[in-house]
Protein backbone atom coordinates (compact mmCIF):
# COMPACT_ATOMS: atom_id res chain seq x y z
CA MET A 1 5.42 11.49 40.45
CA GLY A 2 5.67 10.96 36.59
CA LEU A 3 3.43 9.95 34.04
CA ILE A 4 3.90 6.44 35.26
CA ASP A 5 4.27 4.86 38.59
CA PHE A 6 6.86 2.02 37.85
CA ASP A 7 10.35 2.52 36.00
CA LEU A 8 11.08 1.49 32.54
CA ASP A 9 13.52 -1.41 31.76
CA ILE A 10 14.85 -2.73 28.93
CA TYR A 11 11.91 -4.90 27.56
CA ASP A 12 9.77 -1.28 27.29
CA TYR A 13 12.61 0.26 25.71
CA ALA A 14 12.79 -2.51 22.88
CA THR A 15 8.68 -2.30 22.63
CA PHE A 16 9.28 1.13 22.04
CA ILE A 17 11.77 0.84 19.28
CA VAL A 18 10.16 -2.51 17.40
CA LEU A 19 6.96 -0.08 17.69
CA PHE A 20 8.87 2.82 16.07
CA LEU A 21 10.03 0.38 13.16
CA VAL A 22 6.65 -1.06 12.91
CA VAL A 23 5.22 2.51 11.78
CA VAL A 24 8.39 3.28 9.52
CA VAL A 25 8.34 0.23 7.78
CA PHE A 26 4.29 0.64 7.34
CA PHE A 27 4.68 4.13 5.99
CA PHE A 28 7.63 2.89 3.63
CA ILE A 29 5.46 0.37 1.90
CA MET A 30 2.52 2.59 1.62
CA ILE A 31 4.93 5.30 -0.20
CA THR A 32 6.36 2.40 -2.33
CA LEU A 33 2.80 1.35 -3.24
CA GLY A 34 1.46 4.39 -4.18
CA ASP A 35 4.52 5.53 -6.15
CA LEU A 36 4.40 1.98 -8.11
CA PRO A 37 2.14 2.64 -10.98
CA GLY A 38 3.72 5.82 -11.75
CA LYS A 39 7.39 4.08 -11.89
CA LEU A 40 6.08 1.22 -14.25
CA ALA A 41 4.47 3.93 -16.57
CA GLU A 42 7.66 6.01 -16.81
CA ARG A 43 9.75 3.07 -17.26
CA ARG A 44 7.42 1.98 -19.98
CA ASN A 45 7.06 5.54 -21.55
CA HIS A 46 3.29 5.32 -21.28
CA PRO A 47 1.80 8.56 -22.93
CA HIS A 48 0.20 9.60 -19.54
CA ALA A 49 2.65 8.80 -17.05
CA GLU A 50 2.03 11.63 -15.00
CA SER A 51 -1.76 11.10 -15.01
CA VAL A 52 -0.69 7.46 -13.90
CA LYS A 53 1.14 8.59 -11.14
CA LEU A 54 -1.26 10.72 -9.86
CA GLY A 55 -4.07 7.86 -10.23
CA GLY A 56 -1.95 5.43 -8.19
CA TRP A 57 -1.71 7.87 -5.20
CA ILE A 58 -5.71 8.49 -5.49
CA GLY A 59 -6.20 5.15 -5.70
CA LEU A 60 -4.32 4.45 -2.59
CA PHE A 61 -6.00 6.24 -0.33
CA THR A 62 -9.21 5.93 -1.48
CA VAL A 63 -9.46 2.38 -2.92
CA PHE A 64 -7.23 0.44 -0.48
CA PRO A 65 -9.31 1.68 2.85
CA GLY A 66 -12.45 1.07 1.19
CA SER A 67 -12.02 -2.07 -0.28
CA THR A 68 -11.84 -3.95 3.01
CA PRO A 69 -15.08 -3.62 4.02
CA GLY A 70 -16.27 -4.16 0.49
CA VAL A 71 -14.52 -7.45 0.15
CA ARG A 72 -16.45 -8.48 3.80
CA VAL A 73 -19.67 -7.60 2.85
CA TYR A 74 -19.70 -9.63 -0.38
CA GLN A 75 -18.23 -13.02 1.60
CA ALA A 76 -21.10 -12.15 3.99
CA ARG A 77 -23.35 -11.89 0.95
CA ALA A 78 -21.81 -14.97 -0.58
CA ALA A 79 -22.25 -17.17 2.46
CA GLN A 80 -25.65 -16.32 2.57
CA HIS A 81 -26.31 -17.42 -0.78
CA CYS A 82 -24.53 -20.57 -0.04
CA ALA A 83 -26.54 -21.28 3.09
CA ARG A 84 -29.94 -21.08 0.39
């Protein structure tokens, strides 16, 4: 007996491939977004291009995940304010 009690068919394998591709594309987009401010700063000959590059990566992993709950709290407060 294996880990699952049914045979895998072509749709199961297609699902695994699509899921893998979604994960790869997600990480590619995150890497591109994290590197974008640094590339723009280097292209424009910014005097602090290395700091901008580092700030882009720090901002990606600190501001981006924390912004979603903040937006939701702001929307909830705005809705409460408009309801009065």
